[in-house]
Amino acid sequence: MKKVVFGWIGKLLDVDLSKMDWKVRKLGEAVLTKFIGGKGLGAYLLYKKSPKKLDPFSPENPLIFLTGPLTGLGPASGRFCAVTKSPLTGLFIDTHASGFLGGEIKRAGFDAILIRGRSKRPCYLWVNDGRCEIRDASQIWGLDTYSAHDVIMEETDPLARIAVIGPAGEKLVHFSVILGEKLHACGRGGSGAVMGSKRLKGIAILGFGSLRIAEPDRFLRITGSLIERASFSENGTTGGVISANSRGMLPTRNFQETSFEHADNYSPEALRRYRIRDATCLNCPRACVKIHRIPGVKDISVIQYEGMAMLGPNLGLENVEDMMRAYLECNLLGLDVISAGSVLAFAAECVQRGIIPKEELMGFTFGKGEFVCDILHTIAERKGIGDILAQGVKRASEKLNVPELAVHVKGLEMAAWDPRGLLGLGASYATADVGASHLRGWPSTREKPLRSALDVMESLLENRDLKILMDSLIICAFFSVGYQEISELLSSATGHNFDIGTLKQAALRIDTLIRQYNIEEGLVPERDDTLPRRMMQEVKRGPSEGCKAFINERDMRLCIKKIYALRGWDESGRPIKENMIKLGISEFR
């Protein structure tokens, strides 16, 4: 008798674009229970299915779309993630998007879709209730994300959930995105460029399958209590600029400052006059997706804090509409709003310092919002100086011989929370698996970094482990759950016993596996687990005046080494064989 799988589907769609073929493969319960799903399962599959030291744009670099055991079942469970080797960093990247597409993948009959190879001509995938078609996309190659989405929907089904790349992904811009449902981006690390390298314009998903829960009554009771306490989100993340500014954590003019004199122009009240509606995601009552439109402009755009900050204050833009135009342009072109804002700010500072002639940037510099969209197009089209900027701030700064102006970790541009405003946050950026992401665990404190951060490293890792689990289940970061609730949800959904100890070991297993993968792909901890030079310079004014990310270099190194020790890695930050055996991943060394 066939064993019933609960929570998961137990199937992988394996697509080979070079052969224009696809197969359905089984995912065993031993793998699923060990790596859970989402980020964890993606780490396992990337390690297993990709040759070592391959170029991120090699046909053999897998691009994996993943769900988790709670996708489509639990609260805030419509998210999916994309896992691949990043062209921006050369390391592991997992990047997540909200909406409904994750649930659709599950209902179509799969836990994951793994895509390898390179098509001879542009194509898109039509995954329809357990089957897959590889369709010609020549007619939409070159279209912006919104137009491509509409054509694919017209050719497939109005109920399909769709994710596409834009012109930036087609041109292999290193920080291009995969945009789902016109609203939600797999934003970090250049997954869109990997998709473009495969000549894959998009994926359309539709499914009508049922999802099984091992203990429905128990699961629904827990889910109900979580949804009951979840409040409607009045402003989404649009209040972030005011919050970050008051805390002295707002990136301003390429992180030269941590507060902005025109921050009030970016308040929720200022944005509300452009808001046309709220949107929600699968099984979520919060409605934190806020849809905006600039008067006189046809297209709409989600506005979230990270993009607001990086395309607004970080560019010195006083007028909020200039930021909104840049945000919309990034969405249409398929560019990561965080990296795009960082690259533009880097370029503006180069103009400010006389390193790049102003004419090369068509007159753009800090505060010149009328030129931003033009520069974004040169990046997406990789023309002139845009070709250098399209490779991200790390490579651009090396080509221009100004690495001190590049704000990144491991090649990933820093997110919009300056660590000089929070004790210990710099250690999260320095040791995060993907680089300077704000979603890899914060320390549990509100203190400024005016003393040693050693005693907040435990809380940083506690929160990092919780985030690893949420990204593997997959549950949205904006939905508050703790270890006990995750234990109850996962156990009742799958029928397997996931106590808190088992969950914490799973999080450590996943983080250690990714660490091992990164080291094998070229990560040198002594060189790469660090912060950009600017973060060790004192803030000159504002709420974080006099602060650095750490009180000194020695404290930074001590904090990083403490993280290594707590993780069971050696003093140089490399996983120890005996501990990998204990975690059940000795085969990966």
Protein backbone atom coordinates (compact mmCIF):
# COMPACT_ATOMS: atom_id res chain seq x y z
CA MET A 1 0.00 0.00 0.00
CA LYS A 2 1.27 3.48 -0.91
CA LYS A 3 2.23 5.49 2.17
CA VAL A 4 0.32 8.74 2.62
CA VAL A 5 2.54 11.82 3.03
CA PHE A 6 1.16 14.63 5.17
CA GLY A 7 2.21 18.28 4.93
CA TRP A 8 4.57 17.65 2.05
CA ILE A 9 3.68 16.34 -1.39
CA GLY A 10 6.79 14.18 -1.69
CA LYS A 11 7.48 15.13 -5.32
CA LEU A 12 10.02 17.20 -7.24
CA LEU A 13 9.51 18.49 -10.79
CA ASP A 14 12.91 18.13 -12.49
CA VAL A 15 13.17 20.22 -15.68
CA ASP A 16 16.09 20.02 -18.12
CA LEU A 17 15.89 22.94 -20.56
CA SER A 18 18.84 21.71 -22.62
CA LYS A 19 16.93 18.52 -23.41
CA MET A 20 13.53 20.27 -23.33
CA ASP A 21 12.37 17.49 -21.04
CA TRP A 22 10.93 17.06 -17.56
CA LYS A 23 10.46 14.28 -15.03
CA VAL A 24 8.69 13.89 -11.72
CA ARG A 25 10.97 12.54 -9.00
CA LYS A 26 10.23 11.33 -5.51
CA LEU A 27 11.42 13.24 -2.46
CA GLY A 28 11.94 10.76 0.37
CA GLU A 29 10.59 11.41 3.84
CA ALA A 30 14.09 11.01 5.34
CA VAL A 31 15.28 14.03 3.32
CA LEU A 32 12.13 16.03 3.99
CA THR A 33 12.18 15.50 7.75
CA LYS A 34 15.89 16.31 7.94
CA PHE A 35 15.82 19.49 5.80
CA ILE A 36 12.10 20.40 6.19
CA GLY A 37 11.55 22.37 2.96
CA GLY A 38 12.12 25.82 1.49
CA LYS A 39 15.58 27.09 2.39
CA GLY A 40 16.66 23.81 4.01
CA LEU A 41 15.54 21.55 1.19
CA GLY A 42 16.99 24.04 -1.29
CA ALA A 43 20.40 23.85 0.41
CA TYR A 44 20.29 20.04 0.22
CA LEU A 45 19.29 20.00 -3.46
CA LEU A 46 21.77 22.70 -4.49
CA TYR A 47 24.63 20.81 -2.85
CA LYS A 48 23.56 17.48 -4.31
CA LYS A 49 22.63 18.58 -7.82
CA SER A 50 25.32 21.11 -8.77
CA PRO A 51 28.95 20.45 -9.76
CA LYS A 52 31.54 22.15 -7.58
CA LYS A 53 32.98 25.55 -8.50
CA LEU A 54 30.64 26.06 -11.43
CA ASP A 55 29.96 29.48 -12.95
CA PRO A 56 26.55 30.77 -11.72
CA PHE A 57 25.60 31.26 -15.38
CA SER A 58 26.53 27.70 -16.29
CA PRO A 59 23.59 25.65 -17.61
CA GLU A 60 24.32 23.18 -14.80
CA ASN A 61 23.64 25.71 -12.03
CA PRO A 62 20.23 24.64 -10.67
CA LEU A 63 17.51 27.21 -10.14
CA ILE A 64 15.12 25.74 -7.60
CA PHE A 65 11.64 27.02 -6.70
CA LEU A 66 10.64 25.65 -3.30
CA THR A 67 7.72 25.38 -0.92
CA GLY A 68 7.60 24.05 2.64
CA PRO A 69 5.43 21.62 4.59
CA LEU A 70 3.21 24.47 5.82
CA THR A 71 2.88 26.15 2.41
CA GLY A 72 -0.77 26.45 1.51
CA LEU A 73 -1.82 25.15 4.92
CA GLY A 74 -0.72 27.41 7.72
CA PRO A 75 -1.06 31.13 8.36
CA ALA A 76 0.74 33.46 5.93
CA SER A 77 1.77 30.45 3.85
CA GLY A 78 1.65 31.56 0.22
CA ARG A 79 5.37 32.32 0.02
CA PHE A 80 7.91 30.47 -2.08
CA CYS A 81 11.66 30.73 -2.30
CA ALA A 82 14.23 30.48 -5.05
CA VAL A 83 17.60 28.85 -4.34
CA THR A 84 20.64 28.92 -6.61
CA LYS A 85 24.31 29.89 -6.74
CA SER A 86 24.37 33.67 -6.79
CA PRO A 87 26.09 35.53 -9.65
CA LEU A 88 26.50 38.48 -7.29
CA THR A 89 28.38 36.62 -4.54
CA GLY A 90 29.36 33.25 -6.03
CA LEU A 91 27.75 31.68 -2.94
CA PHE A 92 24.45 30.15 -1.84
CA ILE A 93 21.41 32.39 -2.14
CA ASP A 94 17.87 31.84 -0.93
CA THR A 95 15.45 34.60 -1.80
CA HIS A 96 11.77 34.66 -0.86
CA ALA A 97 8.57 36.16 -2.26
CA SER A 98 5.09 36.47 -0.81
CA GLY A 99 1.70 36.18 -2.48
CA PHE A 100 -0.06 33.00 -3.63
CA LEU A 101 2.42 31.29 -5.95
CA GLY A 102 3.88 29.00 -3.28
CA GLY A 103 0.48 27.51 -2.52
CA GLU A 104 -0.15 27.03 -6.24
CA ILE A 105 3.08 25.00 -6.63
CA LYS A 106 1.89 22.68 -3.87
CA ARG A 107 -1.60 22.30 -5.33
CA ALA A 108 -0.02 21.60 -8.72
CA GLY A 109 1.54 18.54 -7.09
CA PHE A 110 5.10 19.49 -6.14
CA ASP A 111 7.23 20.50 -3.18
CA ALA A 112 9.86 21.94 -5.51
CA ILE A 113 10.66 22.67 -9.14
CA LEU A 114 14.34 22.20 -10.09
CA ILE A 115 15.44 23.75 -13.38
CA ARG A 116 18.73 22.96 -15.12
CA GLY A 117 20.16 23.40 -18.58
CA ARG A 118 19.75 26.20 -21.11
CA SER A 119 17.08 26.42 -23.76
CA LYS A 120 18.14 27.17 -27.34
CA ARG A 121 15.46 29.85 -27.53
CA PRO A 122 13.47 31.84 -24.97
CA CYS A 123 10.83 29.77 -23.19
CA TYR A 124 8.50 29.66 -20.21
CA LEU A 125 7.14 26.80 -18.11
CA TRP A 126 3.46 26.03 -17.89
CA VAL A 127 2.97 23.76 -14.87
CA ASN A 128 -0.65 22.68 -14.87
CA ASP A 129 -1.92 20.28 -12.22
CA GLY A 130 0.92 17.78 -12.22
CA ARG A 131 2.13 18.22 -15.79
CA CYS A 132 4.63 20.56 -17.41
CA GLU A 133 4.94 22.19 -20.82
CA ILE A 134 8.01 24.08 -22.03
CA ARG A 135 6.55 26.78 -24.26
CA ASP A 136 8.15 29.21 -26.69
CA ALA A 137 8.63 32.73 -25.27
CA SER A 138 10.38 34.39 -28.21
CA GLN A 139 7.48 36.81 -28.58
CA ILE A 140 7.80 38.09 -25.00
CA TRP A 141 11.60 38.11 -24.67
CA GLY A 142 12.49 41.76 -24.13
CA LEU A 143 9.16 42.72 -22.54
CA ASP A 144 9.00 44.29 -19.10
CA THR A 145 7.79 42.14 -16.21
CA TYR A 146 4.20 43.43 -16.19
CA SER A 147 3.69 42.97 -19.94
CA ALA A 148 5.30 39.51 -19.94
CA HIS A 149 3.07 38.48 -17.01
CA ASP A 150 -0.06 39.54 -18.90
CA VAL A 151 0.90 37.70 -22.11
CA ILE A 152 1.69 34.47 -20.23
CA MET A 153 -1.61 34.69 -18.35
CA GLU A 154 -3.47 35.19 -21.63
CA GLU A 155 -1.75 32.13 -23.13
CA THR A 156 -2.30 29.85 -20.11
CA ASP A 157 -5.14 30.49 -17.67
CA PRO A 158 -6.55 33.55 -15.87
CA LEU A 159 -6.27 31.62 -12.60
CA ALA A 160 -2.56 30.86 -13.06
CA ARG A 161 0.03 32.30 -10.70
CA ILE A 162 2.98 33.67 -12.64
CA ALA A 163 6.57 34.74 -11.98
CA VAL A 164 8.77 36.34 -14.64
CA ILE A 165 12.04 38.13 -15.25
CA GLY A 166 12.43 41.51 -16.92
CA PRO A 167 14.97 42.91 -19.39
CA ALA A 168 17.57 43.08 -16.61
CA GLY A 169 17.39 39.31 -16.07
CA GLU A 170 17.66 38.69 -19.80
CA LYS A 171 20.84 40.81 -19.90
CA LEU A 172 22.24 38.94 -16.85
CA VAL A 173 22.37 41.95 -14.55
CA HIS A 174 23.87 40.46 -11.41
CA PHE A 175 21.12 41.79 -9.12
CA SER A 176 18.07 41.10 -11.28
CA VAL A 177 14.97 39.59 -9.69
CA ILE A 178 12.17 37.11 -10.30
CA LEU A 179 8.90 39.04 -9.93
CA GLY A 180 5.82 37.09 -8.87
CA GLU A 181 2.27 38.22 -9.62
CA LYS A 182 3.53 41.76 -10.48
CA LEU A 183 3.90 42.42 -6.77
CA HIS A 184 6.38 40.16 -4.99
CA ALA A 185 10.08 39.83 -5.83
CA CYS A 186 12.61 37.14 -5.14
CA GLY A 187 14.90 40.10 -4.81
CA ARG A 188 18.34 39.32 -3.51
CA GLY A 189 21.39 37.80 -5.11
CA GLY A 190 20.55 37.78 -8.82
CA SER A 191 18.22 34.79 -9.18
CA GLY A 192 16.63 36.61 -12.12
CA ALA A 193 19.98 36.61 -13.93
CA VAL A 194 20.33 32.84 -13.42
CA MET A 195 16.85 32.44 -14.87
CA GLY A 196 17.83 34.66 -17.80
CA SER A 197 20.98 32.63 -18.42
CA LYS A 198 18.70 29.62 -18.98
CA ARG A 199 16.61 31.68 -21.44
CA LEU A 200 13.64 31.11 -19.16
CA LYS A 201 11.32 34.12 -19.19
CA GLY A 202 8.81 32.88 -16.65
CA ILE A 203 6.83 30.15 -14.96
CA ALA A 204 3.05 29.83 -14.78
CA ILE A 205 1.53 27.54 -12.17
CA LEU A 206 -1.99 26.22 -11.71
CA GLY A 207 -3.11 23.37 -9.49
CA PHE A 208 -6.25 21.87 -8.00
CA GLY A 209 -4.76 19.15 -5.82
CA SER A 210 -5.66 18.70 -2.17
CA LEU A 211 -3.17 19.11 0.66
CA ARG A 212 -3.17 16.58 3.49
CA ILE A 213 -2.84 17.33 7.20
CA ALA A 214 -2.00 14.53 9.66
CA GLU A 215 -3.97 15.96 12.61
CA PRO A 216 -6.50 18.45 11.15
CA ASP A 217 -8.26 19.38 14.40
CA ARG A 218 -5.05 20.11 16.26
CA PHE A 219 -3.57 21.98 13.31
CA LEU A 220 -6.65 24.15 12.80
CA ARG A 221 -6.85 24.96 16.50
CA ILE A 222 -3.27 26.30 16.51
CA THR A 223 -3.72 28.11 13.20
CA GLY A 224 -6.94 29.69 14.40
CA SER A 225 -5.31 31.10 17.53
CA LEU A 226 -2.44 32.55 15.51
CA ILE A 227 -4.75 34.21 13.01
CA GLU A 228 -6.94 35.52 15.83
CA ARG A 229 -4.07 37.46 17.37
CA ALA A 230 -2.72 38.72 14.03
CA SER A 231 -3.69 42.35 13.56
CA PHE A 232 -4.39 44.21 10.33
CA SER A 233 -1.28 46.07 9.21
CA GLU A 234 -2.34 49.68 8.69
CA ASN A 235 0.81 50.82 6.93
CA GLY A 236 2.71 47.66 6.01
CA THR A 237 6.38 48.57 6.16
CA THR A 238 5.90 52.13 4.89
CA GLY A 239 6.57 53.46 8.39
CA GLY A 240 10.11 52.10 8.20
CA VAL A 241 11.80 55.32 7.07
CA ILE A 242 10.51 57.27 10.06
CA SER A 243 11.44 54.43 12.42
CA ALA A 244 14.93 53.89 10.99
CA ASN A 245 15.55 57.64 10.92
CA SER A 246 14.63 58.03 14.60
CA ARG A 247 16.95 55.14 15.50
CA GLY A 248 19.86 56.45 13.46
CA MET A 249 19.80 53.41 11.14
CA LEU A 250 18.54 54.99 7.89
CA PRO A 251 20.99 54.68 4.96
CA THR A 252 21.56 58.17 3.64
CA ARG A 253 23.72 59.16 0.64
CA ASN A 254 25.45 55.80 0.30
CA PHE A 255 25.50 55.20 4.07
CA GLN A 256 27.59 58.34 4.62
CA GLU A 257 24.96 59.28 7.21
CA THR A 258 22.33 57.40 9.20
CA SER A 259 19.53 59.98 9.27
CA PHE A 260 17.90 62.10 6.57
CA GLU A 261 16.77 65.70 6.85
CA HIS A 262 13.75 65.06 4.60
CA ALA A 263 12.63 61.80 6.22
CA ASP A 264 9.18 63.24 7.02
CA ASN A 265 8.47 63.30 3.28
CA TYR A 266 8.54 59.48 3.47
CA SER A 267 6.07 59.07 6.34
CA PRO A 268 3.08 56.70 6.07
CA GLU A 269 0.85 59.76 5.95
CA ALA A 270 2.81 61.15 2.98
CA LEU A 271 2.58 57.80 1.17
CA ARG A 272 -1.10 57.27 1.93
CA ARG A 273 -2.26 59.81 -0.63
CA TYR A 274 -0.78 57.56 -3.34
CA ARG A 275 -2.24 54.32 -1.95
CA ILE A 276 -4.97 52.79 -4.05
CA ARG A 277 -5.61 49.56 -2.13
CA ASP A 278 -4.36 47.00 0.36
CA ALA A 279 -3.55 43.45 -0.70
CA THR A 280 -3.10 40.28 1.29
CA CYS A 281 -1.34 36.97 0.76
CA LEU A 282 -2.56 33.39 1.10
CA ASN A 283 -4.12 32.64 4.50
CA CYS A 284 -3.07 35.97 6.00
CA PRO A 285 -5.31 38.64 7.55
CA ARG A 286 -2.58 41.29 7.89
CA ALA A 287 -2.83 42.87 4.41
CA CYS A 288 0.62 44.42 4.73
CA VAL A 289 0.99 44.71 0.94
CA LYS A 290 0.25 48.35 0.10
CA ILE A 291 -0.39 49.14 -3.57
CA HIS A 292 0.48 52.65 -4.78
CA ARG A 293 0.16 54.66 -7.97
CA ILE A 294 1.74 57.97 -8.95
CA PRO A 295 -0.85 60.38 -10.42
CA GLY A 296 -0.77 60.23 -14.20
CA VAL A 297 1.10 56.91 -14.28
CA LYS A 298 -0.72 53.79 -15.50
CA ASP A 299 1.19 51.09 -13.63
CA ILE A 300 0.92 50.31 -9.93
CA SER A 301 3.62 49.22 -7.53
CA VAL A 302 4.01 47.75 -4.07
CA ILE A 303 6.02 50.09 -1.85
CA GLN A 304 8.01 48.50 0.99
CA TYR A 305 10.51 50.01 3.41
CA GLU A 306 13.73 48.55 1.99
CA GLY A 307 13.11 49.97 -1.46
CA MET A 308 11.85 53.27 -0.06
CA ALA A 309 15.04 53.76 1.93
CA MET A 310 17.53 52.61 -0.69
CA LEU A 311 15.92 54.50 -3.60
CA GLY A 312 15.02 57.56 -1.52
CA PRO A 313 17.19 58.78 1.38
CA ASN A 314 20.15 56.68 0.25
CA LEU A 315 20.06 58.67 -3.00
CA GLY A 316 19.40 61.93 -1.18
CA LEU A 317 16.01 62.33 -2.87
CA GLU A 318 13.74 64.88 -1.21
CA ASN A 319 10.70 64.21 -3.40
CA VAL A 320 8.94 60.95 -2.54
CA GLU A 321 7.54 60.69 -6.09
CA ASP A 322 11.08 60.41 -7.45
CA MET A 323 11.57 57.38 -5.21
CA MET A 324 8.25 55.90 -6.33
CA ARG A 325 9.15 56.27 -10.01
CA ALA A 326 12.48 54.55 -9.40
CA TYR A 327 10.73 51.76 -7.45
CA LEU A 328 8.25 51.15 -10.28
CA GLU A 329 11.06 51.22 -12.86
CA CYS A 330 12.98 48.58 -10.90
CA ASN A 331 9.88 46.37 -10.85
CA LEU A 332 9.31 46.75 -14.59
CA LEU A 333 12.96 46.14 -15.48
CA GLY A 334 13.30 43.35 -12.93
CA LEU A 335 15.94 44.90 -10.64
CA ASP A 336 16.43 44.37 -6.90
CA VAL A 337 15.41 47.65 -5.26
CA ILE A 338 17.98 47.22 -2.47
CA SER A 339 20.95 46.52 -4.72
CA ALA A 340 19.83 49.07 -7.32
CA GLY A 341 19.66 51.77 -4.65
CA SER A 342 23.08 50.80 -3.35
CA VAL A 343 24.65 50.76 -6.83
CA LEU A 344 23.15 54.15 -7.70
CA ALA A 345 24.32 55.64 -4.39
CA PHE A 346 27.81 54.26 -4.98
CA ALA A 347 27.81 55.87 -8.44
CA ALA A 348 26.55 59.17 -7.02
CA GLU A 349 29.36 59.23 -4.47
CA CYS A 350 31.85 58.48 -7.23
CA VAL A 351 30.53 61.58 -9.03
CA GLN A 352 30.69 63.54 -5.78
CA ARG A 353 34.36 62.61 -5.40
CA GLY A 354 35.27 63.15 -9.06
CA ILE A 355 35.87 59.46 -9.80
CA ILE A 356 33.11 59.21 -12.44
CA PRO A 357 32.46 62.25 -14.69
CA LYS A 358 28.94 63.58 -14.14
CA GLU A 359 28.25 63.30 -17.88
CA GLU A 360 28.68 59.51 -17.78
CA LEU A 361 25.69 59.35 -15.44
CA MET A 362 23.62 61.76 -17.54
CA GLY A 363 23.79 64.39 -14.83
CA PHE A 364 22.76 62.08 -11.99
CA THR A 365 24.15 62.64 -8.52
CA PHE A 366 22.70 62.79 -4.98
CA GLY A 367 19.35 64.56 -4.93
CA LYS A 368 18.81 64.48 -8.72
CA GLY A 369 15.72 62.30 -8.94
CA GLU A 370 14.84 63.26 -12.51
CA PHE A 371 17.78 61.18 -13.80
CA VAL A 372 17.35 58.01 -11.76
CA CYS A 373 15.11 56.07 -14.18
CA ASP A 374 17.46 56.83 -17.07
CA ILE A 375 20.41 55.37 -15.15
CA LEU A 376 18.35 52.30 -14.22
CA HIS A 377 17.74 51.70 -17.92
CA THR A 378 21.46 51.93 -18.74
CA ILE A 379 22.07 49.30 -16.03
CA ALA A 380 19.31 47.00 -17.29
CA GLU A 381 20.56 47.38 -20.87
CA ARG A 382 24.23 47.17 -19.76
CA LYS A 383 25.25 50.21 -21.78
CA GLY A 384 28.28 52.38 -20.98
CA ILE A 385 28.84 52.86 -17.26
CA GLY A 386 25.68 50.79 -16.76
CA ASP A 387 27.59 47.65 -17.75
CA ILE A 388 29.99 48.15 -14.84
CA LEU A 389 27.23 49.00 -12.36
CA ALA A 390 25.22 45.97 -13.51
CA GLN A 391 27.83 43.75 -11.85
CA GLY A 392 27.06 45.10 -8.35
CA VAL A 393 28.99 47.44 -6.06
CA LYS A 394 31.77 44.98 -5.21
CA ARG A 395 32.89 44.43 -8.78
CA ALA A 396 32.17 48.03 -9.81
CA SER A 397 34.29 49.37 -6.96
CA GLU A 398 37.14 47.04 -7.88
CA LYS A 399 37.03 48.13 -11.52
CA LEU A 400 37.06 51.80 -10.46
CA ASN A 401 39.66 51.14 -7.72
CA VAL A 402 37.52 52.54 -4.88
CA PRO A 403 36.57 49.50 -2.72
CA GLU A 404 36.22 51.78 0.32
CA LEU A 405 33.03 53.27 -1.21
CA ALA A 406 31.27 49.93 -1.72
CA VAL A 407 28.80 48.98 1.03
CA HIS A 408 28.39 45.21 0.83
CA VAL A 409 29.25 41.93 2.57
CA LYS A 410 30.49 39.05 0.42
CA GLY A 411 29.29 40.96 -2.65
CA LEU A 412 25.66 41.39 -1.50
CA GLU A 413 24.74 45.04 -1.07
CA MET A 414 23.80 45.94 2.49
CA ALA A 415 20.14 46.13 3.41
CA ALA A 416 18.52 49.34 4.61
CA TRP A 417 19.35 49.09 8.32
CA ASP A 418 22.70 50.62 9.20
CA PRO A 419 24.35 48.44 11.89
CA ARG A 420 25.92 51.51 13.51
CA GLY A 421 22.52 52.06 15.13
CA LEU A 422 22.10 48.68 16.88
CA LEU A 423 24.39 46.68 19.11
CA GLY A 424 25.47 43.42 17.47
CA LEU A 425 23.64 43.80 14.14
CA GLY A 426 26.99 44.06 12.39
CA ALA A 427 27.79 40.49 13.44
CA SER A 428 24.62 39.28 11.73
CA TYR A 429 25.60 40.98 8.47
CA ALA A 430 29.20 39.76 8.72
CA THR A 431 28.33 36.08 9.25
CA ALA A 432 25.03 35.69 7.34
CA ASP A 433 25.08 32.91 4.77
CA VAL A 434 24.17 35.17 1.83
CA GLY A 435 25.90 38.41 2.77
CA ALA A 436 24.46 41.65 4.18
CA SER A 437 20.81 40.61 4.48
CA HIS A 438 18.58 42.09 7.20
CA LEU A 439 16.68 38.80 7.43
CA ARG A 440 19.30 36.56 9.05
CA GLY A 441 18.61 37.20 12.74
CA TRP A 442 18.88 40.36 14.82
CA PRO A 443 20.15 40.51 18.40
CA SER A 444 17.43 40.98 21.03
CA THR A 445 18.35 44.49 22.13
CA ARG A 446 17.64 48.15 21.35
CA GLU A 447 21.02 49.36 22.58
CA LYS A 448 23.44 51.40 20.52
CA PRO A 449 26.84 49.79 19.79
CA LEU A 450 28.66 51.75 22.48
CA ARG A 451 29.98 48.68 24.32
CA SER A 452 31.08 45.14 23.51
CA ALA A 453 28.44 43.13 21.64
CA LEU A 454 29.67 39.75 22.91
CA ASP A 455 26.74 39.14 25.25
CA VAL A 456 24.07 39.54 22.53
CA MET A 457 25.48 36.89 20.19
CA GLU A 458 23.37 34.10 21.74
CA SER A 459 20.14 36.02 21.06
CA LEU A 460 21.29 36.79 17.52
CA LEU A 461 21.71 33.08 16.79
CA GLU A 462 18.46 32.21 18.57
CA ASN A 463 16.66 34.58 16.21
CA ARG A 464 18.69 33.39 13.21
CA ASP A 465 17.63 29.80 13.88
CA LEU A 466 13.99 30.85 14.17
CA LYS A 467 14.26 32.62 10.81
CA ILE A 468 15.91 29.57 9.20
CA LEU A 469 12.95 27.48 10.33
CA MET A 470 10.38 30.01 9.10
CA ASP A 471 12.15 30.14 5.73
CA SER A 472 12.08 26.35 5.54
CA LEU A 473 8.45 25.84 6.58
CA ILE A 474 7.71 28.50 4.72
CA ILE A 475 6.01 31.16 6.93
CA CYS A 476 6.19 34.90 6.27
CA ALA A 477 8.66 36.91 8.35
CA PHE A 478 5.89 39.38 9.21
CA PHE A 479 3.82 36.71 10.96
CA SER A 480 4.89 36.28 14.56
CA VAL A 481 5.47 32.68 15.68
CA GLY A 482 7.75 31.12 18.26
CA TYR A 483 9.48 27.75 18.59
CA GLN A 484 6.60 26.13 20.48
CA GLU A 485 4.06 27.19 17.87
CA ILE A 486 6.31 25.98 15.05
CA SER A 487 6.67 22.66 16.86
CA GLU A 488 2.90 22.29 17.16
CA LEU A 489 2.19 23.37 13.58
CA LEU A 490 4.82 21.17 11.94
CA SER A 491 4.09 18.12 14.08
CA SER A 492 0.34 18.27 13.54
CA ALA A 493 0.71 18.98 9.80
CA THR A 494 3.17 16.17 9.04
CA GLY A 495 2.52 13.56 11.72
CA HIS A 496 6.21 13.59 12.69
CA ASN A 497 7.33 14.69 16.12
CA PHE A 498 9.25 17.95 15.84
CA ASP A 499 9.99 19.04 19.39
CA ILE A 500 11.90 22.27 20.04
CA GLY A 501 15.22 20.46 20.36
CA THR A 502 14.70 18.73 17.02
CA LEU A 503 13.82 22.05 15.39
CA LYS A 504 16.90 23.80 16.72
CA GLN A 505 19.10 20.96 15.53
CA ALA A 506 17.47 21.20 12.09
CA ALA A 507 18.22 24.93 11.92
CA LEU A 508 21.86 24.33 12.88
CA ARG A 509 22.08 21.48 10.34
CA ILE A 510 20.81 23.75 7.54
CA ASP A 511 23.08 26.66 8.47
CA THR A 512 26.12 24.37 8.74
CA LEU A 513 25.39 22.70 5.40
CA ILE A 514 25.16 26.11 3.71
CA ARG A 515 28.40 27.15 5.41
CA GLN A 516 30.12 24.05 4.07
CA TYR A 517 28.75 24.70 0.57
CA ASN A 518 29.97 28.31 0.66
CA ILE A 519 33.46 27.32 1.79
CA GLU A 520 33.72 24.76 -0.98
CA GLU A 521 32.61 27.45 -3.45
CA GLY A 522 35.35 29.85 -2.37
CA LEU A 523 34.31 31.58 0.86
CA VAL A 524 37.35 32.51 2.95
CA PRO A 525 36.00 33.34 6.43
CA GLU A 526 39.07 35.31 7.53
CA ARG A 527 38.62 37.59 4.51
CA ASP A 528 34.87 37.51 3.90
CA ASP A 529 33.24 37.45 7.36
CA THR A 530 33.61 41.17 7.88
CA LEU A 531 31.92 44.52 7.35
CA PRO A 532 32.52 47.27 4.78
CA ARG A 533 35.02 49.89 5.95
CA ARG A 534 32.35 52.56 6.28
CA MET A 535 30.63 50.63 9.08
CA MET A 536 33.70 51.07 11.28
CA GLN A 537 33.68 54.85 10.83
CA GLU A 538 31.86 56.94 13.43
CA VAL A 539 28.51 58.47 12.54
CA LYS A 540 28.94 62.25 12.50
CA ARG A 541 25.44 63.40 13.42
CA GLY A 542 21.95 62.26 14.33
CA PRO A 543 20.65 59.65 16.81
CA SER A 544 23.68 57.38 16.27
CA GLU A 545 26.27 60.16 16.49
CA GLY A 546 29.64 58.78 17.60
CA CYS A 547 28.67 55.14 16.94
CA LYS A 548 30.42 52.49 14.87
CA ALA A 549 29.11 49.00 14.14
CA PHE A 550 31.48 47.72 16.86
CA ILE A 551 33.46 49.62 19.45
CA ASN A 552 36.64 48.40 17.74
CA GLU A 553 37.96 45.80 15.29
CA ARG A 554 38.93 43.47 18.12
CA ASP A 555 35.37 43.32 19.43
CA MET A 556 34.08 42.56 15.92
CA ARG A 557 36.50 39.63 15.58
CA LEU A 558 35.66 38.34 19.08
CA CYS A 559 31.92 38.43 18.30
CA ILE A 560 32.43 36.61 15.01
CA LYS A 561 34.58 33.96 16.68
CA LYS A 562 31.94 33.52 19.36
CA ILE A 563 29.37 32.83 16.63
CA TYR A 564 31.75 30.23 15.16
CA ALA A 565 32.09 28.56 18.58
CA LEU A 566 28.34 28.58 19.26
CA ARG A 567 27.79 27.03 15.83
CA GLY A 568 30.30 24.24 16.46
CA TRP A 569 32.66 25.50 13.77
CA ASP A 570 36.41 25.82 14.22
CA GLU A 571 38.20 29.08 15.08
CA SER A 572 38.53 29.98 11.42
CA GLY A 573 34.78 29.55 10.80
CA ARG A 574 34.83 26.15 9.09
CA PRO A 575 32.47 23.32 10.08
CA ILE A 576 34.10 20.59 12.19
CA LYS A 577 33.79 17.05 10.85
CA GLU A 578 32.69 15.54 14.19
CA ASN A 579 29.87 18.07 14.52
CA MET A 580 28.72 17.44 10.96
CA ILE A 581 28.51 13.74 11.82
CA LYS A 582 26.35 14.58 14.85
CA LEU A 583 24.09 16.69 12.63
CA GLY A 584 23.73 13.84 10.12
CA ILE A 585 25.44 15.67 7.25
CA SER A 586 28.86 14.01 7.17
CA GLU A 587 28.22 13.03 3.54
CA PHE A 588 28.60 16.69 2.59
CA ARG A 589 32.24 16.94 3.63
